[in-house]
Amino acid sequence: MKHNKKRNTAFLYEALVKELTKCVVSKDNEKRNAVVSILKEHFSKGKLLHAELSLYKAINESRGLQRKVAEKMLWEARMEYDFLPKDKIFAEQSRVINKINKHIGSSVFNNFVADYKDLATISQILNNQVVVKERVLLEEGLVERMCQQEQKVEEQKMVPMDNLVYKTFIKKFNDKYGDGLLKEQKDLLTNYVLSFGDDGLSLKMFLNEELERVKGKVSECLQMDEIKQDPEMMRKTGLIIEKLELFRKKQCDQQMLGELLKIQHFVNEAKVDG
């Protein structure tokens, strides 16, 4: 079924995030700033496109639900979507599209988005873009996917962290890894805490840069004589690089946070120059 991806808010957001990663890797700061500006202005909490994006995410990121719960969630999302001002959403999308074309380039729309097919399905359901028979079939497939068993990950409800929780987390890390945190570790923790207030946007932008930096440092370790001469160290360093690549594809939780803190510590201890 034909679908206009430029009018799919979730696709626009994911395509921009992909572009942000490319800008960080290529060190294109001018284009990076343009992407960040668009994300902040149009997709941050309180913005209209953020409200629509939240409905896409509620459906697309749900896994392991009971069928009744999945059906109710989809129904509630449709009801909530009906109250959103479609004309204003269209106008906001147009502004985003124009800014992308003017300040970044139309190649953004060609960025690969892994969940595009599912996002297109959600858009067609929410916007009633298909006849009743087709919509029922699409909804059935979507509900089945929402009911699929979750991967074995720690279930964790994201709730705001107050200063006491934050300080406790830092204390536990200090007790285990040393008396003080590195600057990059403090930055990571700070962005993790702030992520609860802006739907993860600040953390996602920070991780795009930090994961690239750390991966570069770990890759440099492979050239160090003490590591090159030790097959086991070479193997473990390679595993760290693989783990960093996996981190790009998942949402940051406490387990990932702890592992990244350890890798930052490892990079610092390795005394990689630059």
Protein backbone atom coordinates (compact mmCIF):
# COMPACT_ATOMS: atom_id res chain seq x y z
CA MET A 1 0.00 0.00 0.00
CA LYS A 2 1.25 3.44 -0.93
CA HIS A 3 2.38 5.48 2.04
CA ASN A 4 3.78 9.02 2.19
CA LYS A 5 6.64 8.63 4.65
CA LYS A 6 7.24 12.38 4.80
CA ARG A 7 3.83 12.67 6.47
CA ASN A 8 4.69 9.99 9.01
CA THR A 9 5.85 11.81 12.16
CA ALA A 10 7.59 8.74 13.60
CA PHE A 11 9.53 8.22 10.37
CA LEU A 12 10.59 11.89 10.29
CA TYR A 13 11.87 11.61 13.85
CA GLU A 14 13.79 8.35 13.30
CA ALA A 15 15.25 9.58 10.01
CA LEU A 16 16.53 12.71 11.77
CA VAL A 17 18.07 10.64 14.58
CA LYS A 18 19.83 8.50 11.96
CA GLU A 19 21.08 11.68 10.28
CA LEU A 20 22.36 12.94 13.62
CA THR A 21 24.46 9.80 14.01
CA LYS A 22 25.90 10.26 10.52
CA CYS A 23 26.77 13.89 11.30
CA VAL A 24 28.58 12.89 14.50
CA VAL A 25 30.57 10.19 12.71
CA SER A 26 31.56 12.54 9.87
CA LYS A 27 32.19 15.41 12.32
CA ASP A 28 29.84 17.67 10.33
CA ASN A 29 29.05 20.06 13.20
CA GLU A 30 27.08 22.53 11.08
CA LYS A 31 24.65 19.91 9.85
CA ARG A 32 24.59 18.28 13.30
CA ASN A 33 23.48 21.56 14.86
CA ALA A 34 20.75 21.89 12.24
CA VAL A 35 19.42 18.40 13.06
CA VAL A 36 19.51 19.06 16.81
CA SER A 37 17.69 22.37 16.29
CA ILE A 38 14.86 20.65 14.39
CA LEU A 39 14.55 17.87 16.96
CA LYS A 40 14.40 20.31 19.85
CA GLU A 41 12.02 22.75 18.18
CA HIS A 42 9.51 20.23 16.86
CA PHE A 43 9.84 16.96 18.78
CA SER A 44 10.64 17.95 22.37
CA LYS A 45 8.16 17.42 25.18
CA GLY A 46 5.13 19.72 24.96
CA LYS A 47 5.27 20.02 21.17
CA LEU A 48 2.43 18.76 18.98
CA LEU A 49 4.59 16.30 17.03
CA HIS A 50 5.87 14.91 20.32
CA ALA A 51 2.28 14.09 21.32
CA GLU A 52 1.73 12.24 18.03
CA LEU A 53 5.13 10.53 18.24
CA SER A 54 4.28 9.25 21.73
CA LEU A 55 1.25 7.40 20.33
CA TYR A 56 3.40 5.75 17.65
CA LYS A 57 5.92 4.69 20.30
CA ALA A 58 3.27 3.38 22.68
CA ILE A 59 2.12 0.98 19.96
CA ASN A 60 5.40 0.19 18.22
CA GLU A 61 7.48 -0.45 21.35
CA SER A 62 4.94 -2.62 23.16
CA ARG A 63 5.86 -6.29 23.48
CA GLY A 64 4.66 -9.30 25.45
CA LEU A 65 1.20 -7.90 26.14
CA GLN A 66 -1.90 -9.96 26.77
CA ARG A 67 -4.23 -9.78 23.79
CA LYS A 68 -6.92 -7.82 25.64
CA VAL A 69 -4.35 -5.27 26.79
CA ALA A 70 -2.88 -4.90 23.29
CA GLU A 71 -6.33 -4.41 21.75
CA LYS A 72 -7.28 -1.85 24.41
CA MET A 73 -3.98 0.03 23.95
CA LEU A 74 -4.49 0.22 20.20
CA TRP A 75 -8.09 1.38 20.68
CA GLU A 76 -7.08 4.03 23.22
CA ALA A 77 -4.31 5.26 20.93
CA ARG A 78 -6.80 5.64 18.08
CA MET A 79 -9.24 7.52 20.32
CA GLU A 80 -6.49 9.84 21.57
CA TYR A 81 -5.21 10.38 18.06
CA ASP A 82 -8.68 11.45 16.90
CA PHE A 83 -8.49 14.44 19.26
CA LEU A 84 -5.20 15.71 17.82
CA PRO A 85 -5.57 18.67 15.41
CA LYS A 86 -4.72 17.10 12.04
CA ASP A 87 -4.41 20.43 10.22
CA LYS A 88 -1.84 21.68 12.75
CA ILE A 89 0.07 18.38 12.57
CA PHE A 90 0.20 18.72 8.78
CA ALA A 91 1.49 22.29 9.13
CA GLU A 92 4.18 21.21 11.63
CA GLN A 93 5.26 18.35 9.39
CA SER A 94 5.53 20.81 6.50
CA ARG A 95 7.80 23.06 8.56
CA VAL A 96 10.02 20.09 9.45
CA ILE A 97 10.17 18.94 5.81
CA ASN A 98 11.04 22.46 4.62
CA LYS A 99 13.80 22.83 7.22
CA ILE A 100 15.25 19.44 6.31
CA ASN A 101 15.32 20.35 2.61
CA LYS A 102 16.78 23.79 3.29
CA HIS A 103 19.32 23.13 6.05
CA ILE A 104 20.22 19.43 5.79
CA GLY A 105 19.23 17.92 2.46
CA SER A 106 16.55 15.65 1.02
CA SER A 107 18.85 12.63 1.50
CA VAL A 108 17.52 12.50 5.08
CA PHE A 109 14.34 10.94 3.72
CA ASN A 110 16.39 8.07 2.29
CA ASN A 111 17.83 7.09 5.68
CA PHE A 112 17.11 3.49 6.56
CA VAL A 113 14.58 3.14 9.38
CA ALA A 114 14.35 -0.46 10.56
CA ASP A 115 10.75 -0.24 11.78
CA TYR A 116 9.47 1.69 8.76
CA LYS A 117 6.96 -0.98 7.71
CA ASP A 118 5.44 -1.08 11.20
CA LEU A 119 5.39 2.73 11.42
CA ALA A 120 3.62 2.87 8.06
CA THR A 121 1.04 0.37 9.31
CA ILE A 122 0.43 2.39 12.47
CA SER A 123 0.00 5.56 10.41
CA GLN A 124 -2.55 3.92 8.10
CA ILE A 125 -4.53 2.67 11.09
CA LEU A 126 -4.48 5.93 13.03
CA ASN A 127 -5.36 8.01 9.96
CA ASN A 128 -8.02 5.61 8.63
CA GLN A 129 -6.21 5.55 5.31
CA VAL A 130 -7.52 2.12 4.30
CA VAL A 131 -10.93 0.52 3.87
CA VAL A 132 -12.49 -1.32 6.81
CA LYS A 133 -11.46 -4.82 5.68
CA GLU A 134 -7.82 -3.81 5.19
CA ARG A 135 -7.76 -1.89 8.48
CA VAL A 136 -9.04 -4.89 10.42
CA LEU A 137 -6.33 -7.08 8.89
CA LEU A 138 -3.66 -4.49 9.68
CA GLU A 139 -4.88 -4.13 13.25
CA GLU A 140 -4.90 -7.91 13.70
CA GLY A 141 -1.27 -8.14 12.58
CA LEU A 142 -0.28 -5.24 14.80
CA VAL A 143 -1.98 -6.75 17.85
CA GLU A 144 -0.22 -10.07 17.20
CA ARG A 145 3.13 -8.29 17.16
CA MET A 146 2.33 -6.41 20.37
CA CYS A 147 1.59 -9.78 22.00
CA GLN A 148 4.87 -11.36 20.95
CA GLN A 149 6.98 -12.46 23.88
CA GLU A 150 9.50 -9.88 25.01
CA GLN A 151 13.18 -10.54 24.83
CA LYS A 152 14.62 -11.32 28.23
CA VAL A 153 15.42 -7.84 29.44
CA GLU A 154 15.02 -6.29 32.83
CA GLU A 155 11.55 -4.79 33.08
CA GLN A 156 11.88 -1.34 34.43
CA LYS A 157 9.34 1.45 34.66
CA MET A 158 11.01 4.73 33.81
CA VAL A 159 10.18 7.06 36.69
CA PRO A 160 11.73 10.42 37.53
CA MET A 161 14.85 10.17 39.67
CA ASP A 162 15.21 12.65 42.49
CA ASN A 163 18.52 13.91 43.88
CA LEU A 164 18.61 11.21 46.57
CA VAL A 165 18.36 8.39 43.99
CA TYR A 166 20.94 10.11 41.81
CA LYS A 167 23.40 10.54 44.67
CA THR A 168 22.84 6.95 45.80
CA PHE A 169 23.62 5.66 42.32
CA ILE A 170 26.84 7.68 42.16
CA LYS A 171 27.85 6.53 45.66
CA LYS A 172 27.39 2.88 44.72
CA PHE A 173 29.48 3.37 41.59
CA ASN A 174 32.19 5.19 43.56
CA ASP A 175 32.28 2.40 46.16
CA LYS A 176 32.82 -0.17 43.44
CA TYR A 177 35.08 1.61 40.98
CA GLY A 178 36.92 4.27 42.91
CA ASP A 179 36.69 7.48 44.89
CA GLY A 180 35.74 9.72 41.99
CA LEU A 181 34.02 9.68 38.64
CA LEU A 182 35.66 10.67 35.38
CA LYS A 183 34.29 13.75 33.63
CA GLU A 184 32.81 11.63 30.85
CA GLN A 185 31.15 9.37 33.45
CA LYS A 186 29.61 12.38 35.19
CA ASP A 187 28.37 13.65 31.82
CA LEU A 188 26.81 10.28 31.07
CA LEU A 189 25.05 10.12 34.44
CA THR A 190 23.85 13.70 34.13
CA ASN A 191 22.34 13.10 30.70
CA TYR A 192 20.77 9.87 31.93
CA VAL A 193 18.99 11.74 34.72
CA LEU A 194 17.95 14.59 32.43
CA SER A 195 16.50 12.07 29.96
CA PHE A 196 13.51 11.53 32.24
CA GLY A 197 12.45 15.12 31.68
CA ASP A 198 12.75 15.37 27.88
CA ASP A 199 11.70 11.89 26.72
CA GLY A 200 15.31 10.77 26.28
CA LEU A 201 16.25 13.34 23.64
CA SER A 202 19.26 14.77 25.50
CA LEU A 203 20.58 11.29 26.33
CA LYS A 204 20.16 10.08 22.75
CA MET A 205 22.11 13.04 21.40
CA PHE A 206 24.86 12.58 24.01
CA LEU A 207 25.15 8.84 23.32
CA ASN A 208 25.50 9.43 19.57
CA GLU A 209 28.75 11.28 20.26
CA GLU A 210 29.99 9.35 23.28
CA LEU A 211 29.59 5.89 21.74
CA GLU A 212 31.53 7.02 18.68
CA ARG A 213 34.28 8.52 20.86
CA VAL A 214 34.60 5.45 23.08
CA LYS A 215 34.54 3.07 20.12
CA GLY A 216 37.41 5.02 18.56
CA LYS A 217 39.42 4.82 21.77
CA VAL A 218 38.81 1.08 22.16
CA SER A 219 39.78 0.52 18.51
CA GLU A 220 43.06 2.32 19.21
CA CYS A 221 43.69 -0.11 22.06
CA LEU A 222 43.90 -2.91 19.49
CA GLN A 223 47.13 -1.30 18.25
CA MET A 224 48.79 -1.27 21.70
CA ASP A 225 51.65 -3.78 22.00
CA GLU A 226 50.52 -5.16 25.36
CA ILE A 227 47.12 -5.98 23.89
CA LYS A 228 48.31 -7.13 20.43
CA GLN A 229 50.62 -9.65 22.09
CA ASP A 230 47.84 -11.11 24.23
CA PRO A 231 45.22 -13.09 22.22
CA GLU A 232 42.77 -13.09 25.12
CA MET A 233 43.04 -9.31 25.49
CA MET A 234 42.52 -8.92 21.74
CA ARG A 235 39.41 -11.09 21.93
CA LYS A 236 37.95 -9.18 24.88
CA THR A 237 38.69 -5.81 23.29
CA GLY A 238 36.91 -6.98 20.15
CA LEU A 239 33.90 -8.00 22.23
CA ILE A 240 33.78 -4.50 23.74
CA ILE A 241 33.61 -2.98 20.24
CA GLU A 242 30.77 -5.36 19.34
CA LYS A 243 28.93 -4.39 22.53
CA LEU A 244 29.28 -0.68 21.70
CA GLU A 245 27.71 -1.34 18.30
CA LEU A 246 24.78 -3.10 19.98
CA PHE A 247 24.33 -0.12 22.32
CA ARG A 248 23.51 2.04 19.27
CA LYS A 249 20.44 -0.11 18.58
CA LYS A 250 18.89 -0.23 22.06
CA GLN A 251 17.37 2.11 24.57
CA CYS A 252 19.65 3.01 27.46
CA ASP A 253 18.61 1.28 30.68
CA GLN A 254 20.47 0.84 33.98
CA GLN A 255 22.25 -2.30 32.78
CA MET A 256 23.56 -0.58 29.65
CA LEU A 257 24.45 2.48 31.71
CA GLY A 258 26.56 0.40 34.12
CA GLU A 259 28.36 -1.38 31.28
CA LEU A 260 29.13 1.86 29.47
CA LEU A 261 30.51 3.37 32.68
CA LYS A 262 32.85 0.39 32.97
CA ILE A 263 33.98 0.77 29.36
CA GLN A 264 34.68 4.48 29.94
CA HIS A 265 36.78 3.44 32.94
CA PHE A 266 38.62 0.86 30.81
CA VAL A 267 39.40 3.44 28.10
CA ASN A 268 40.77 5.84 30.70
CA GLU A 269 42.91 3.13 32.32
CA ALA A 270 44.28 2.11 28.92
CA LYS A 271 45.80 5.61 28.63
CA VAL A 272 44.93 5.96 24.98
CA ASP A 273 46.28 9.28 23.75
CA GLY A 274 44.12 11.88 22.00
